[in-house]
Amino acid sequence: ILDGECEVWIAGETHQMTAGETIIFPANVPHALSAITRFKMSLTMIRGSEGT
């Protein structure tokens, strides 16, 4: 999170995040984001080989 605050839901768990924090999770896990305040984030997706 670059600025602001948000909530991240990952596999039924809620995580409140603020500027400077990072979260990592697999692509096949249900997830969602919701703004607590206006926020900016950077998203990096890393693709593995087929089958991973």
N, C-alpha and C. Protein backbone atom coordinates (compact mmCIF):
# COMPACT_ATOMS: atom_id res chain seq x y z
N ILE A 1 0.87 -1.16 0.00
CA ILE A 1 0.00 0.00 0.00
C ILE A 1 0.91 1.22 0.00
N LEU A 2 0.70 2.10 -0.95
CA LEU A 2 1.54 3.29 -1.07
C LEU A 2 1.03 4.44 -0.22
N ASP A 3 -0.30 4.55 -0.09
CA ASP A 3 -0.89 5.66 0.66
C ASP A 3 -2.30 5.27 1.07
N GLY A 4 -2.75 5.69 2.24
CA GLY A 4 -4.12 5.44 2.68
C GLY A 4 -4.28 4.12 3.40
N GLU A 5 -5.55 3.66 3.50
CA GLU A 5 -5.88 2.43 4.21
C GLU A 5 -6.91 1.62 3.43
N CYS A 6 -6.79 0.30 3.53
CA CYS A 6 -7.78 -0.57 2.91
C CYS A 6 -7.93 -1.85 3.72
N GLU A 7 -8.99 -2.59 3.42
CA GLU A 7 -9.17 -3.93 3.96
C GLU A 7 -9.01 -4.91 2.81
N VAL A 8 -8.32 -5.99 3.09
CA VAL A 8 -8.12 -7.05 2.11
C VAL A 8 -8.72 -8.33 2.68
N TRP A 9 -9.62 -8.96 1.92
CA TRP A 9 -10.19 -10.25 2.31
C TRP A 9 -9.49 -11.32 1.50
N ILE A 10 -8.91 -12.29 2.20
CA ILE A 10 -8.23 -13.40 1.54
C ILE A 10 -8.71 -14.69 2.19
N ALA A 11 -9.36 -15.53 1.40
CA ALA A 11 -9.83 -16.84 1.86
C ALA A 11 -10.61 -16.74 3.17
N GLY A 12 -11.48 -15.74 3.28
CA GLY A 12 -12.33 -15.59 4.46
C GLY A 12 -11.73 -14.82 5.61
N GLU A 13 -10.47 -14.41 5.52
CA GLU A 13 -9.83 -13.63 6.57
C GLU A 13 -9.71 -12.18 6.13
N THR A 14 -9.92 -11.24 7.08
CA THR A 14 -9.83 -9.81 6.79
C THR A 14 -8.53 -9.26 7.35
N HIS A 15 -7.84 -8.46 6.54
CA HIS A 15 -6.59 -7.83 6.95
C HIS A 15 -6.71 -6.33 6.69
N GLN A 16 -6.52 -5.51 7.72
CA GLN A 16 -6.51 -4.06 7.53
C GLN A 16 -5.08 -3.66 7.22
N MET A 17 -4.92 -2.88 6.15
CA MET A 17 -3.58 -2.50 5.70
C MET A 17 -3.45 -0.99 5.60
N THR A 18 -2.24 -0.51 5.88
CA THR A 18 -1.94 0.92 5.78
C THR A 18 -0.67 1.11 4.96
N ALA A 19 -0.36 2.35 4.66
CA ALA A 19 0.80 2.68 3.84
C ALA A 19 2.06 1.99 4.36
N GLY A 20 2.83 1.42 3.43
CA GLY A 20 4.08 0.76 3.77
C GLY A 20 3.95 -0.74 3.95
N GLU A 21 2.74 -1.27 4.00
CA GLU A 21 2.55 -2.70 4.21
C GLU A 21 2.42 -3.44 2.88
N THR A 22 2.78 -4.72 2.92
CA THR A 22 2.75 -5.59 1.74
C THR A 22 2.04 -6.89 2.10
N ILE A 23 1.34 -7.45 1.13
CA ILE A 23 0.70 -8.75 1.35
C ILE A 23 0.94 -9.62 0.12
N ILE A 24 1.15 -10.91 0.35
CA ILE A 24 1.41 -11.86 -0.73
C ILE A 24 0.46 -13.04 -0.56
N PHE A 25 -0.18 -13.45 -1.67
CA PHE A 25 -1.07 -14.61 -1.61
C PHE A 25 -1.17 -15.23 -2.99
N PRO A 26 -1.51 -16.53 -3.07
CA PRO A 26 -1.59 -17.22 -4.35
C PRO A 26 -2.76 -16.71 -5.20
N ALA A 27 -2.63 -16.82 -6.49
CA ALA A 27 -3.65 -16.33 -7.42
C ALA A 27 -4.96 -17.10 -7.32
N ASN A 28 -4.93 -18.35 -6.94
CA ASN A 28 -6.15 -19.16 -6.94
C ASN A 28 -6.96 -19.05 -5.64
N VAL A 29 -6.61 -18.12 -4.76
CA VAL A 29 -7.33 -17.91 -3.50
C VAL A 29 -8.32 -16.76 -3.68
N PRO A 30 -9.60 -16.96 -3.30
CA PRO A 30 -10.58 -15.86 -3.41
C PRO A 30 -10.11 -14.65 -2.59
N HIS A 31 -10.23 -13.46 -3.19
CA HIS A 31 -9.77 -12.25 -2.51
C HIS A 31 -10.55 -11.03 -2.99
N ALA A 32 -10.53 -9.97 -2.19
CA ALA A 32 -11.19 -8.71 -2.54
C ALA A 32 -10.55 -7.59 -1.74
N LEU A 33 -10.71 -6.35 -2.23
CA LEU A 33 -10.21 -5.17 -1.54
C LEU A 33 -11.33 -4.17 -1.35
N SER A 34 -11.25 -3.41 -0.27
CA SER A 34 -12.22 -2.35 0.00
C SER A 34 -11.49 -1.18 0.65
N ALA A 35 -11.76 0.03 0.17
CA ALA A 35 -11.10 1.22 0.71
C ALA A 35 -11.68 1.59 2.07
N ILE A 36 -10.81 1.85 3.03
CA ILE A 36 -11.20 2.45 4.30
C ILE A 36 -11.11 3.97 4.13
N THR A 37 -9.99 4.41 3.55
CA THR A 37 -9.80 5.79 3.10
C THR A 37 -9.33 5.70 1.66
N ARG A 38 -9.25 6.83 0.97
CA ARG A 38 -8.66 6.79 -0.38
C ARG A 38 -7.27 6.18 -0.25
N PHE A 39 -6.96 5.25 -1.16
CA PHE A 39 -5.65 4.63 -1.07
C PHE A 39 -5.06 4.40 -2.45
N LYS A 40 -3.73 4.29 -2.46
CA LYS A 40 -2.99 3.95 -3.67
C LYS A 40 -2.24 2.66 -3.37
N MET A 41 -2.18 1.80 -4.38
CA MET A 41 -1.46 0.54 -4.21
C MET A 41 -0.70 0.20 -5.49
N SER A 42 0.27 -0.64 -5.35
CA SER A 42 1.01 -1.17 -6.48
C SER A 42 0.74 -2.67 -6.51
N LEU A 43 0.41 -3.20 -7.68
CA LEU A 43 0.11 -4.62 -7.83
C LEU A 43 1.17 -5.26 -8.72
N THR A 44 1.81 -6.31 -8.22
CA THR A 44 2.78 -7.07 -9.00
C THR A 44 2.30 -8.51 -9.08
N MET A 45 2.16 -9.01 -10.29
CA MET A 45 1.73 -10.40 -10.50
C MET A 45 2.90 -11.17 -11.10
N ILE A 46 3.25 -12.27 -10.47
CA ILE A 46 4.36 -13.10 -10.95
C ILE A 46 3.78 -14.42 -11.43
N ARG A 47 3.97 -14.70 -12.70
CA ARG A 47 3.44 -15.94 -13.28
C ARG A 47 4.51 -17.02 -13.24
N GLY A 48 4.09 -18.21 -12.82
CA GLY A 48 5.00 -19.35 -12.81
C GLY A 48 4.89 -20.10 -14.13
N SER A 49 5.56 -21.21 -14.20
CA SER A 49 5.46 -22.09 -15.36
C SER A 49 4.07 -22.68 -15.41
N GLU A 50 3.67 -23.19 -16.57
CA GLU A 50 2.36 -23.84 -16.67
C GLU A 50 2.26 -24.95 -15.65
N GLY A 51 1.10 -25.02 -15.02
CA GLY A 51 0.89 -26.05 -14.02
C GLY A 51 1.30 -25.66 -12.61
N THR A 52 1.81 -24.42 -12.44
CA THR A 52 2.18 -23.98 -11.08
C THR A 52 1.33 -22.83 -10.66
